Amino acid sequence: VQTLLQQMQDKFQTMSDQIIGRNILFLNELDDMSCRIDDLEKNIADLMTQAGVEELEGENKTPATNKS
């Protein structure tokens, strides 16, 4: 019985370690994705500025007027 309990404990510990390792990898991937999304949003905003598009009230976007 003692040997069986030890084997079960070892298997449980192995599974726990694997789950924790996968969660850490997943969180790192989420962090990387978040950084990429932030960079993409900044690049889009820069391109919109260069193209003369201004952002109004969140998601509504209209072309900027040229004052010549």
PDB file of N, CA and C in Angstrom:
ATOM      1  N   VAL A   1       0.832  -1.189   0.000  1.00  0.00           N
ATOM      2  CA  VAL A   1       0.000   0.000   0.000  1.00  0.00           C
ATOM      3  C   VAL A   1       0.879   1.257   0.000  1.00  0.00           C
ATOM      4  N   GLN A   2       1.922   1.238   0.800  1.00  0.00           N
ATOM      5  CA  GLN A   2       2.834   2.390   0.872  1.00  0.00           C
ATOM      6  C   GLN A   2       3.469   2.646  -0.497  1.00  0.00           C
ATOM      7  N   THR A   3       3.900   1.608  -1.180  1.00  0.00           N
ATOM      8  CA  THR A   3       4.521   1.741  -2.500  1.00  0.00           C
ATOM      9  C   THR A   3       3.517   2.306  -3.498  1.00  0.00           C
ATOM     10  N   LEU A   4       2.301   1.836  -3.465  1.00  0.00           N
ATOM     11  CA  LEU A   4       1.258   2.323  -4.362  1.00  0.00           C
ATOM     12  C   LEU A   4       0.979   3.801  -4.122  1.00  0.00           C
ATOM     13  N   LEU A   5       0.889   4.192  -2.867  1.00  0.00           N
ATOM     14  CA  LEU A   5       0.677   5.609  -2.538  1.00  0.00           C
ATOM     15  C   LEU A   5       1.846   6.480  -3.017  1.00  0.00           C
ATOM     16  N   GLN A   6       3.062   5.989  -2.878  1.00  0.00           N
ATOM     17  CA  GLN A   6       4.234   6.734  -3.326  1.00  0.00           C
ATOM     18  C   GLN A   6       4.221   6.890  -4.841  1.00  0.00           C
ATOM     19  N   GLN A   7       3.846   5.813  -5.556  1.00  0.00           N
ATOM     20  CA  GLN A   7       3.776   5.890  -7.018  1.00  0.00           C
ATOM     21  C   GLN A   7       2.711   6.899  -7.463  1.00  0.00           C
ATOM     22  N   MET A   8       1.573   6.877  -6.767  1.00  0.00           N
ATOM     23  CA  MET A   8       0.511   7.831  -7.098  1.00  0.00           C
ATOM     24  C   MET A   8       0.969   9.262  -6.833  1.00  0.00           C
ATOM     25  N   GLN A   9       1.667   9.476  -5.725  1.00  0.00           N
ATOM     26  CA  GLN A   9       2.187  10.804  -5.395  1.00  0.00           C
ATOM     27  C   GLN A   9       3.193  11.264  -6.445  1.00  0.00           C
ATOM     28  N   ASP A  10       4.063  10.373  -6.874  1.00  0.00           N
ATOM     29  CA  ASP A  10       5.048  10.712  -7.908  1.00  0.00           C
ATOM     30  C   ASP A  10       4.370  11.087  -9.220  1.00  0.00           C
ATOM     31  N   LYS A  11       3.361  10.323  -9.608  1.00  0.00           N
ATOM     32  CA  LYS A  11       2.638  10.619 -10.848  1.00  0.00           C
ATOM     33  C   LYS A  11       1.901  11.950 -10.740  1.00  0.00           C
ATOM     34  N   PHE A  12       1.284  12.190  -9.594  1.00  0.00           N
ATOM     35  CA  PHE A  12       0.588  13.450  -9.371  1.00  0.00           C
ATOM     36  C   PHE A  12       1.560  14.619  -9.446  1.00  0.00           C
ATOM     37  N   GLN A  13       2.717  14.483  -8.837  1.00  0.00           N
ATOM     38  CA  GLN A  13       3.714  15.554  -8.856  1.00  0.00           C
ATOM     39  C   GLN A  13       4.195  15.819 -10.278  1.00  0.00           C
ATOM     40  N   THR A  14       4.424  14.757 -11.040  1.00  0.00           N
ATOM     41  CA  THR A  14       4.856  14.900 -12.437  1.00  0.00           C
ATOM     42  C   THR A  14       3.797  15.643 -13.245  1.00  0.00           C
ATOM     43  N   MET A  15       2.546  15.248 -13.066  1.00  0.00           N
ATOM     44  CA  MET A  15       1.462  15.913 -13.795  1.00  0.00           C
ATOM     45  C   MET A  15       1.341  17.374 -13.382  1.00  0.00           C
ATOM     46  N   SER A  16       1.466  17.653 -12.114  1.00  0.00           N
ATOM     47  CA  SER A  16       1.393  19.035 -11.620  1.00  0.00           C
ATOM     48  C   SER A  16       2.510  19.883 -12.215  1.00  0.00           C
ATOM     49  N   ASP A  17       3.715  19.341 -12.243  1.00  0.00           N
ATOM     50  CA  ASP A  17       4.852  20.056 -12.816  1.00  0.00           C
ATOM     51  C   ASP A  17       4.628  20.343 -14.297  1.00  0.00           C
ATOM     52  N   GLN A  18       4.065  19.373 -15.024  1.00  0.00           N
ATOM     53  CA  GLN A  18       3.796  19.573 -16.445  1.00  0.00           C
ATOM     54  C   GLN A  18       2.752  20.662 -16.656  1.00  0.00           C
ATOM     55  N   ILE A  19       1.707  20.651 -15.844  1.00  0.00           N
ATOM     56  CA  ILE A  19       0.656  21.667 -15.969  1.00  0.00           C
ATOM     57  C   ILE A  19       1.219  23.052 -15.674  1.00  0.00           C
ATOM     58  N   ILE A  20       1.997  23.164 -14.626  1.00  0.00           N
ATOM     59  CA  ILE A  20       2.592  24.456 -14.273  1.00  0.00           C
ATOM     60  C   ILE A  20       3.520  24.930 -15.388  1.00  0.00           C
ATOM     61  N   GLY A  21       4.317  24.024 -15.932  1.00  0.00           N
ATOM     62  CA  GLY A  21       5.213  24.378 -17.031  1.00  0.00           C
ATOM     63  C   GLY A  21       4.456  24.860 -18.251  1.00  0.00           C
ATOM     64  N   ARG A  22       3.370  24.195 -18.580  1.00  0.00           N
ATOM     65  CA  ARG A  22       2.553  24.609 -19.729  1.00  0.00           C
ATOM     66  C   ARG A  22       1.914  25.958 -19.476  1.00  0.00           C
ATOM     67  N   ASN A  23       1.446  26.192 -18.242  1.00  0.00           N
ATOM     68  CA  ASN A  23       0.841  27.483 -17.922  1.00  0.00           C
ATOM     69  C   ASN A  23       1.847  28.617 -18.045  1.00  0.00           C
ATOM     70  N   ILE A  24       3.072  28.362 -17.612  1.00  0.00           N
ATOM     71  CA  ILE A  24       4.114  29.389 -17.723  1.00  0.00           C
ATOM     72  C   ILE A  24       4.388  29.695 -19.190  1.00  0.00           C
ATOM     73  N   LEU A  25       4.494  28.665 -20.026  1.00  0.00           N
ATOM     74  CA  LEU A  25       4.704  28.885 -21.457  1.00  0.00           C
ATOM     75  C   LEU A  25       3.541  29.641 -22.070  1.00  0.00           C
ATOM     76  N   PHE A  26       2.318  29.282 -21.692  1.00  0.00           N
ATOM     77  CA  PHE A  26       1.129  29.940 -22.211  1.00  0.00           C
ATOM     78  C   PHE A  26       1.118  31.417 -21.822  1.00  0.00           C
ATOM     79  N   LEU A  27       1.455  31.716 -20.565  1.00  0.00           N
ATOM     80  CA  LEU A  27       1.475  33.106 -20.120  1.00  0.00           C
ATOM     81  C   LEU A  27       2.546  33.905 -20.852  1.00  0.00           C
ATOM     82  N   ASN A  28       3.696  33.281 -21.110  1.00  0.00           N
ATOM     83  CA  ASN A  28       4.744  33.960 -21.875  1.00  0.00           C
ATOM     84  C   ASN A  28       4.279  34.253 -23.290  1.00  0.00           C
ATOM     85  N   GLU A  29       3.568  33.292 -23.902  1.00  0.00           N
ATOM     86  CA  GLU A  29       3.055  33.496 -25.250  1.00  0.00           C
ATOM     87  C   GLU A  29       2.011  34.605 -25.265  1.00  0.00           C
ATOM     88  N   LEU A  30       1.159  34.660 -24.241  1.00  0.00           N
ATOM     89  CA  LEU A  30       0.168  35.731 -24.157  1.00  0.00           C
ATOM     90  C   LEU A  30       0.845  37.092 -24.016  1.00  0.00           C
ATOM     91  N   ASP A  31       1.886  37.152 -23.212  1.00  0.00           N
ATOM     92  CA  ASP A  31       2.616  38.406 -23.028  1.00  0.00           C
ATOM     93  C   ASP A  31       3.250  38.852 -24.340  1.00  0.00           C
ATOM     94  N   ASP A  32       3.858  37.912 -25.063  1.00  0.00           N
ATOM     95  CA  ASP A  32       4.452  38.233 -26.359  1.00  0.00           C
ATOM     96  C   ASP A  32       3.389  38.717 -27.338  1.00  0.00           C
ATOM     97  N   MET A  33       2.232  38.060 -27.345  1.00  0.00           N
ATOM     98  CA  MET A  33       1.159  38.448 -28.245  1.00  0.00           C
ATOM     99  C   MET A  33       0.649  39.839 -27.891  1.00  0.00           C
ATOM    100  N   SER A  34       0.540  40.129 -26.615  1.00  0.00           N
ATOM    101  CA  SER A  34       0.097  41.441 -26.174  1.00  0.00           C
ATOM    102  C   SER A  34       1.057  42.532 -26.652  1.00  0.00           C
ATOM    103  N   CYS A  35       2.339  42.266 -26.554  1.00  0.00           N
ATOM    104  CA  CYS A  35       3.341  43.237 -27.026  1.00  0.00           C
ATOM    105  C   CYS A  35       3.232  43.434 -28.534  1.00  0.00           C
ATOM    106  N   ARG A  36       3.005  42.361 -29.266  1.00  0.00           N
ATOM    107  CA  ARG A  36       2.868  42.459 -30.717  1.00  0.00           C
ATOM    108  C   ARG A  36       1.633  43.260 -31.094  1.00  0.00           C
ATOM    109  N   ILE A  37       0.533  43.047 -30.368  1.00  0.00           N
ATOM    110  CA  ILE A  37      -0.694  43.799 -30.637  1.00  0.00           C
ATOM    111  C   ILE A  37      -0.471  45.277 -30.348  1.00  0.00           C
ATOM    112  N   ASP A  38       0.203  45.586 -29.248  1.00  0.00           N
ATOM    113  CA  ASP A  38       0.510  46.978 -28.922  1.00  0.00           C
ATOM    114  C   ASP A  38       1.343  47.624 -30.025  1.00  0.00           C
ATOM    115  N   ASP A  39       2.356  46.897 -30.511  1.00  0.00           N
ATOM    116  CA  ASP A  39       3.193  47.417 -31.597  1.00  0.00           C
ATOM    117  C   ASP A  39       2.383  47.621 -32.869  1.00  0.00           C
ATOM    118  N   LEU A  40       1.500  46.681 -33.167  1.00  0.00           N
ATOM    119  CA  LEU A  40       0.663  46.791 -34.354  1.00  0.00           C
ATOM    120  C   LEU A  40      -0.263  48.001 -34.256  1.00  0.00           C
ATOM    121  N   GLU A  41      -0.879  48.206 -33.098  1.00  0.00           N
ATOM    122  CA  GLU A  41      -1.747  49.365 -32.908  1.00  0.00           C
ATOM    123  C   GLU A  41      -0.975  50.667 -33.079  1.00  0.00           C
ATOM    124  N   LYS A  42       0.237  50.715 -32.549  1.00  0.00           N
ATOM    125  CA  LYS A  42       1.063  51.920 -32.694  1.00  0.00           C
ATOM    126  C   LYS A  42       1.418  52.150 -34.161  1.00  0.00           C
ATOM    127  N   ASN A  43       1.788  51.079 -34.863  1.00  0.00           N
ATOM    128  CA  ASN A  43       2.135  51.212 -36.281  1.00  0.00           C
ATOM    129  C   ASN A  43       0.940  51.670 -37.103  1.00  0.00           C
ATOM    130  N   ILE A  44      -0.244  51.155 -36.795  1.00  0.00           N
ATOM    131  CA  ILE A  44      -1.448  51.581 -37.509  1.00  0.00           C
ATOM    132  C   ILE A  44      -1.724  53.056 -37.237  1.00  0.00           C
ATOM    133  N   ALA A  45      -1.595  53.470 -35.991  1.00  0.00           N
ATOM    134  CA  ALA A  45      -1.806  54.877 -35.650  1.00  0.00           C
ATOM    135  C   ALA A  45      -0.802  55.761 -36.379  1.00  0.00           C
ATOM    136  N   ASP A  46       0.452  55.331 -36.455  1.00  0.00           N
ATOM    137  CA  ASP A  46       1.472  56.102 -37.178  1.00  0.00           C
ATOM    138  C   ASP A  46       1.142  56.201 -38.663  1.00  0.00           C
ATOM    139  N   LEU A  47       0.697  55.088 -39.247  1.00  0.00           N
ATOM    140  CA  LEU A  47       0.330  55.101 -40.663  1.00  0.00           C
ATOM    141  C   LEU A  47      -0.875  56.002 -40.911  1.00  0.00           C
ATOM    142  N   MET A  48      -1.844  55.970 -40.000  1.00  0.00           N
ATOM    143  CA  MET A  48      -3.017  56.832 -40.145  1.00  0.00           C
ATOM    144  C   MET A  48      -2.612  58.297 -40.069  1.00  0.00           C
ATOM    145  N   THR A  49      -1.699  58.616 -39.178  1.00  0.00           N
ATOM    146  CA  THR A  49      -1.218  59.984 -39.056  1.00  0.00           C
ATOM    147  C   THR A  49      -0.516  60.415 -40.339  1.00  0.00           C
ATOM    148  N   GLN A  50       0.322  59.541 -40.868  1.00  0.00           N
ATOM    149  CA  GLN A  50       1.032  59.851 -42.110  1.00  0.00           C
ATOM    150  C   GLN A  50       0.070  60.006 -43.280  1.00  0.00           C
ATOM    151  N   ALA A  51      -1.038  59.262 -43.256  1.00  0.00           N
ATOM    152  CA  ALA A  51      -2.010  59.319 -44.348  1.00  0.00           C
ATOM    153  C   ALA A  51      -2.985  60.477 -44.177  1.00  0.00           C
ATOM    154  N   GLY A  52      -2.905  61.186 -43.060  1.00  0.00           N
ATOM    155  CA  GLY A  52      -3.785  62.321 -42.832  1.00  0.00           C
ATOM    156  C   GLY A  52      -5.144  61.932 -42.295  1.00  0.00           C
ATOM    157  N   VAL A  53      -5.209  60.837 -41.581  1.00  0.00           N
ATOM    158  CA  VAL A  53      -6.469  60.393 -40.979  1.00  0.00           C
ATOM    159  C   VAL A  53      -6.393  60.683 -39.492  1.00  0.00           C
ATOM    160  N   GLU A  54      -7.463  61.322 -38.974  1.00  0.00           N
ATOM    161  CA  GLU A  54      -7.504  61.623 -37.555  1.00  0.00           C
ATOM    162  C   GLU A  54      -8.512  60.716 -36.875  1.00  0.00           C
ATOM    163  N   GLU A  55      -8.251  60.367 -35.636  1.00  0.00           N
ATOM    164  CA  GLU A  55      -9.170  59.529 -34.874  1.00  0.00           C
ATOM    165  C   GLU A  55     -10.111  60.437 -34.092  1.00  0.00           C
ATOM    166  N   LEU A  56     -11.415  60.186 -34.231  1.00  0.00           N
ATOM    167  CA  LEU A  56     -12.416  60.952 -33.495  1.00  0.00           C
ATOM    168  C   LEU A  56     -13.309  60.002 -32.716  1.00  0.00           C
ATOM    169  N   GLU A  57     -13.532  60.296 -31.450  1.00  0.00           N
ATOM    170  CA  GLU A  57     -14.419  59.533 -30.592  1.00  0.00           C
ATOM    171  C   GLU A  57     -14.188  58.029 -30.674  1.00  0.00           C
ATOM    172  N   GLY A  58     -13.043  57.584 -30.330  1.00  0.00           N
ATOM    173  CA  GLY A  58     -12.755  56.153 -30.267  1.00  0.00           C
ATOM    174  C   GLY A  58     -12.577  55.516 -31.622  1.00  0.00           C
ATOM    175  N   GLU A  59     -13.587  54.784 -32.098  1.00  0.00           N
ATOM    176  CA  GLU A  59     -13.459  54.000 -33.319  1.00  0.00           C
ATOM    177  C   GLU A  59     -13.857  54.758 -34.581  1.00  0.00           C
ATOM    178  N   ASN A  60     -14.527  55.905 -34.471  1.00  0.00           N
ATOM    179  CA  ASN A  60     -14.944  56.655 -35.657  1.00  0.00           C
ATOM    180  C   ASN A  60     -13.762  57.400 -36.232  1.00  0.00           C
ATOM    181  N   LYS A  61     -13.481  57.170 -37.494  1.00  0.00           N
ATOM    182  CA  LYS A  61     -12.322  57.791 -38.125  1.00  0.00           C
ATOM    183  C   LYS A  61     -12.774  58.500 -39.390  1.00  0.00           C
ATOM    184  N   THR A  62     -12.270  59.715 -39.562  1.00  0.00           N
ATOM    185  CA  THR A  62     -12.598  60.496 -40.753  1.00  0.00           C
ATOM    186  C   THR A  62     -11.326  61.082 -41.330  1.00  0.00           C
ATOM    187  N   PRO A  63     -11.316  61.337 -42.634  1.00  0.00           N
ATOM    188  CA  PRO A  63     -10.123  61.949 -43.229  1.00  0.00           C
ATOM    189  C   PRO A  63      -9.915  63.352 -42.682  1.00  0.00           C
ATOM    190  N   ALA A  64      -8.671  63.707 -42.532  1.00  0.00           N
ATOM    191  CA  ALA A  64      -8.344  65.062 -42.075  1.00  0.00           C
ATOM    192  C   ALA A  64      -8.561  66.028 -43.221  1.00  0.00           C
ATOM    193  N   THR A  65      -8.948  67.237 -42.887  1.00  0.00           N
ATOM    194  CA  THR A  65      -9.139  68.254 -43.933  1.00  0.00           C
ATOM    195  C   THR A  65      -7.850  69.000 -44.163  1.00  0.00           C
ATOM    196  N   ASN A  66      -7.558  69.254 -45.429  1.00  0.00           N
ATOM    197  CA  ASN A  66      -6.365  70.015 -45.779  1.00  0.00           C
ATOM    198  C   ASN A  66      -6.694  71.484 -45.745  1.00  0.00           C
ATOM    199  N   LYS A  67      -5.927  72.266 -45.018  1.00  0.00           N
ATOM    200  CA  LYS A  67      -6.135  73.706 -44.933  1.00  0.00           C
ATOM    201  C   LYS A  67      -5.022  74.405 -45.700  1.00  0.00           C
ATOM    202  N   SER A  68      -5.238  74.572 -47.010  1.00  0.00           N
ATOM    203  CA  SER A  68      -4.227  75.210 -47.844  1.00  0.00           C
ATOM    204  C   SER A  68      -4.716  76.543 -48.312  1.00  0.00           C
TER     205      SER A  68
END
